[in-house]
Amino acid sequence: MREDEFDSLCKKVRPIILKLKRSYHIHLWDYNDWLQEGDIVLFSLLYEHPDLYYDELKLYVYFKTKFSNYLKDVIRQQESYKRKFNKMAYEEISEIGHCVSDKSLALDDYVAYKEVIQEAENNLDGKEEREMFQKLLRGERFAGRQKMIKKLRPLFKDFK
């Protein structure tokens, strides 16, 4: 297939691309990205099924299906939790540092928390309770866990 033939097919499927552009939102894609991705999908479709070049009606159906499935995959990828930062435009961290959430304790809170932990451990009766307390700190499950939590709750009331 010649380049001008491919370009004419790209122009023929462009309305499908633009219609799907109105239906789906891909973060950080502009108009040219949509056209380029559509051209890539068309090229791969014609490579896999060269007979579609001669049957335009079938080409439109195949292209719409393949391109919409491709878009759904891209959306799935962009919305997945582990790729959350991939969809953000690059910005200098010094300019937006105040927006980045910090779930850790401030230093003074951490020191106070460690003191409460030490105090709680010192107030426990026996080796068995200390072992249960360590399991509780590690997040493990054990018999008597709720009872231990209820006993320690007053010490940690300031850390809610």
Protein backbone atom coordinates (compact mmCIF):
# COMPACT_ATOMS: atom_id res chain seq x y z
CA MET A 1 0.00 0.00 0.00
CA ARG A 2 1.30 3.40 -0.91
CA GLU A 3 1.52 6.32 1.46
CA ASP A 4 -1.15 8.38 -0.34
CA GLU A 5 -3.55 5.39 -0.23
CA PHE A 6 -3.00 5.06 3.50
CA ASP A 7 -3.54 8.81 3.98
CA SER A 8 -6.85 8.61 2.12
CA LEU A 9 -7.98 5.76 4.41
CA CYS A 10 -6.91 7.80 7.44
CA LYS A 11 -9.12 10.65 6.25
CA LYS A 12 -12.01 8.22 5.77
CA VAL A 13 -11.81 6.89 9.35
CA ARG A 14 -11.21 10.33 10.88
CA PRO A 15 -14.95 10.86 11.63
CA ILE A 16 -14.94 7.64 13.66
CA ILE A 17 -11.93 8.88 15.62
CA LEU A 18 -13.53 12.25 16.30
CA LYS A 19 -16.83 10.68 17.35
CA LEU A 20 -15.03 8.43 19.83
CA LYS A 21 -13.06 11.47 21.02
CA ARG A 22 -16.36 13.02 22.13
CA SER A 23 -17.32 9.81 23.96
CA TYR A 24 -14.07 9.07 25.82
CA HIS A 25 -11.69 11.22 27.81
CA ILE A 26 -8.01 10.33 27.71
CA HIS A 27 -6.00 12.53 30.05
CA LEU A 28 -3.25 14.59 28.36
CA TRP A 29 -4.30 13.68 24.80
CA ASP A 30 -4.88 16.56 22.42
CA TYR A 31 -6.44 16.54 18.96
CA ASN A 32 -3.23 15.44 17.19
CA ASP A 33 -2.70 12.59 19.68
CA TRP A 34 -6.15 11.22 18.85
CA LEU A 35 -5.43 11.33 15.13
CA GLN A 36 -2.00 9.78 15.56
CA GLU A 37 -3.30 6.94 17.73
CA GLY A 38 -6.11 6.36 15.25
CA ASP A 39 -3.56 6.14 12.42
CA ILE A 40 -1.49 3.65 14.41
CA VAL A 41 -4.52 1.45 15.10
CA LEU A 42 -5.54 1.66 11.42
CA PHE A 43 -2.06 0.69 10.30
CA SER A 44 -1.94 -2.31 12.62
CA LEU A 45 -5.43 -3.35 11.53
CA LEU A 46 -4.49 -3.22 7.85
CA TYR A 47 -1.28 -5.10 8.61
CA GLU A 48 -3.22 -7.88 10.35
CA HIS A 49 -6.07 -7.92 7.79
CA PRO A 50 -4.86 -6.69 4.39
CA ASP A 51 -8.17 -7.74 2.80
CA LEU A 52 -9.89 -4.84 4.61
CA TYR A 53 -8.23 -2.43 2.22
CA TYR A 54 -10.66 -3.58 -0.48
CA ASP A 55 -13.82 -3.68 1.66
CA GLU A 56 -14.43 -0.20 3.11
CA LEU A 57 -17.64 -1.07 4.96
CA LYS A 58 -15.95 -3.95 6.74
CA LEU A 59 -12.94 -1.70 7.40
CA TYR A 60 -15.13 0.88 9.18
CA VAL A 61 -16.69 -1.77 11.40
CA TYR A 62 -13.38 -3.40 12.24
CA PHE A 63 -11.66 -0.06 12.83
CA LYS A 64 -14.39 1.27 15.12
CA THR A 65 -14.30 -1.91 17.19
CA LYS A 66 -10.52 -2.09 17.39
CA PHE A 67 -10.08 1.63 18.13
CA SER A 68 -12.78 1.72 20.82
CA ASN A 69 -11.26 -1.38 22.47
CA TYR A 70 -7.85 0.31 22.32
CA LEU A 71 -9.29 3.43 23.98
CA LYS A 72 -10.89 1.36 26.72
CA ASP A 73 -7.51 -0.26 27.42
CA VAL A 74 -5.84 3.14 27.62
CA ILE A 75 -8.55 4.40 30.01
CA ARG A 76 -8.19 1.28 32.16
CA GLN A 77 -4.47 1.88 32.33
CA GLN A 78 -4.82 5.58 33.15
CA GLU A 79 -7.37 4.90 35.89
CA SER A 80 -5.46 2.10 37.56
CA TYR A 81 -4.26 3.09 41.01
CA LYS A 82 -0.62 2.23 40.50
CA ARG A 83 -0.44 4.51 37.45
CA LYS A 84 -2.10 7.42 39.20
CA PHE A 85 0.90 9.68 38.75
CA ASN A 86 1.31 8.83 35.04
CA LYS A 87 -1.75 10.89 34.19
CA MET A 88 -0.50 14.01 35.93
CA ALA A 89 1.23 16.63 33.84
CA TYR A 90 4.76 17.35 34.96
CA GLU A 91 4.97 20.22 37.39
CA GLU A 92 7.85 21.48 39.46
CA ILE A 93 7.48 19.97 42.94
CA SER A 94 8.60 23.16 44.63
CA GLU A 95 5.57 24.92 43.13
CA ILE A 96 2.98 22.31 44.14
CA GLY A 97 4.59 20.73 47.21
CA HIS A 98 1.79 22.00 49.41
CA CYS A 99 -0.67 19.81 47.43
CA VAL A 100 1.17 16.54 48.02
CA SER A 101 -0.46 14.71 50.88
CA ASP A 102 1.70 13.49 53.71
CA LYS A 103 0.13 10.75 55.78
CA SER A 104 3.04 10.41 58.17
CA LEU A 105 3.21 11.94 61.61
CA ALA A 106 4.99 15.20 62.23
CA LEU A 107 8.19 14.81 64.21
CA ASP A 108 6.72 16.06 67.49
CA ASP A 109 3.68 13.77 67.09
CA TYR A 110 5.98 10.84 66.34
CA VAL A 111 8.02 11.47 69.50
CA ALA A 112 4.83 11.73 71.59
CA TYR A 113 3.52 8.52 69.96
CA LYS A 114 6.74 6.65 70.80
CA GLU A 115 6.50 7.85 74.42
CA VAL A 116 2.92 6.58 74.68
CA ILE A 117 3.98 3.23 73.20
CA GLN A 118 6.79 2.96 75.75
CA GLU A 119 4.43 3.91 78.60
CA ALA A 120 1.85 1.37 77.42
CA GLU A 121 4.46 -1.37 77.24
CA ASN A 122 5.70 -0.57 80.76
CA ASN A 123 2.14 -0.78 82.16
CA LEU A 124 1.49 -4.26 80.76
CA ASP A 125 1.30 -7.22 83.12
CA GLY A 126 3.65 -10.04 82.23
CA LYS A 127 5.45 -11.41 79.22
CA GLU A 128 2.29 -12.72 77.55
CA GLU A 129 0.67 -9.28 77.44
CA ARG A 130 3.88 -7.74 76.07
CA GLU A 131 3.93 -10.34 73.28
CA MET A 132 0.29 -9.60 72.49
CA PHE A 133 1.11 -5.88 72.45
CA GLN A 134 3.93 -6.46 69.95
CA LYS A 135 1.56 -8.51 67.77
CA LEU A 136 -0.95 -5.67 67.97
CA LEU A 137 1.70 -3.15 66.83
CA ARG A 138 2.58 -5.42 63.89
CA GLY A 139 -1.11 -5.65 62.91
CA GLU A 140 -1.36 -9.37 63.55
CA ARG A 141 -4.56 -11.13 64.59
CA PHE A 142 -4.69 -13.09 67.85
CA ALA A 143 -7.10 -14.22 70.55
CA GLY A 144 -7.82 -11.37 72.95
CA ARG A 145 -7.00 -8.64 70.43
CA GLN A 146 -10.17 -6.63 71.06
CA LYS A 147 -9.68 -6.84 74.82
CA MET A 148 -6.12 -5.52 74.42
CA ILE A 149 -7.30 -2.67 72.20
CA LYS A 150 -10.00 -1.73 74.71
CA LYS A 151 -7.40 -1.70 77.50
CA LEU A 152 -4.98 0.53 75.55
CA ARG A 153 -7.54 2.86 73.95
CA PRO A 154 -7.40 5.53 76.73
CA LEU A 155 -3.63 5.92 76.26
CA PHE A 156 -3.99 6.67 72.53
CA LYS A 157 -7.01 9.01 72.69
CA ASP A 158 -4.88 11.97 71.50
CA PHE A 159 -3.89 10.18 68.24
CA LYS A 160 -7.24 9.87 66.47
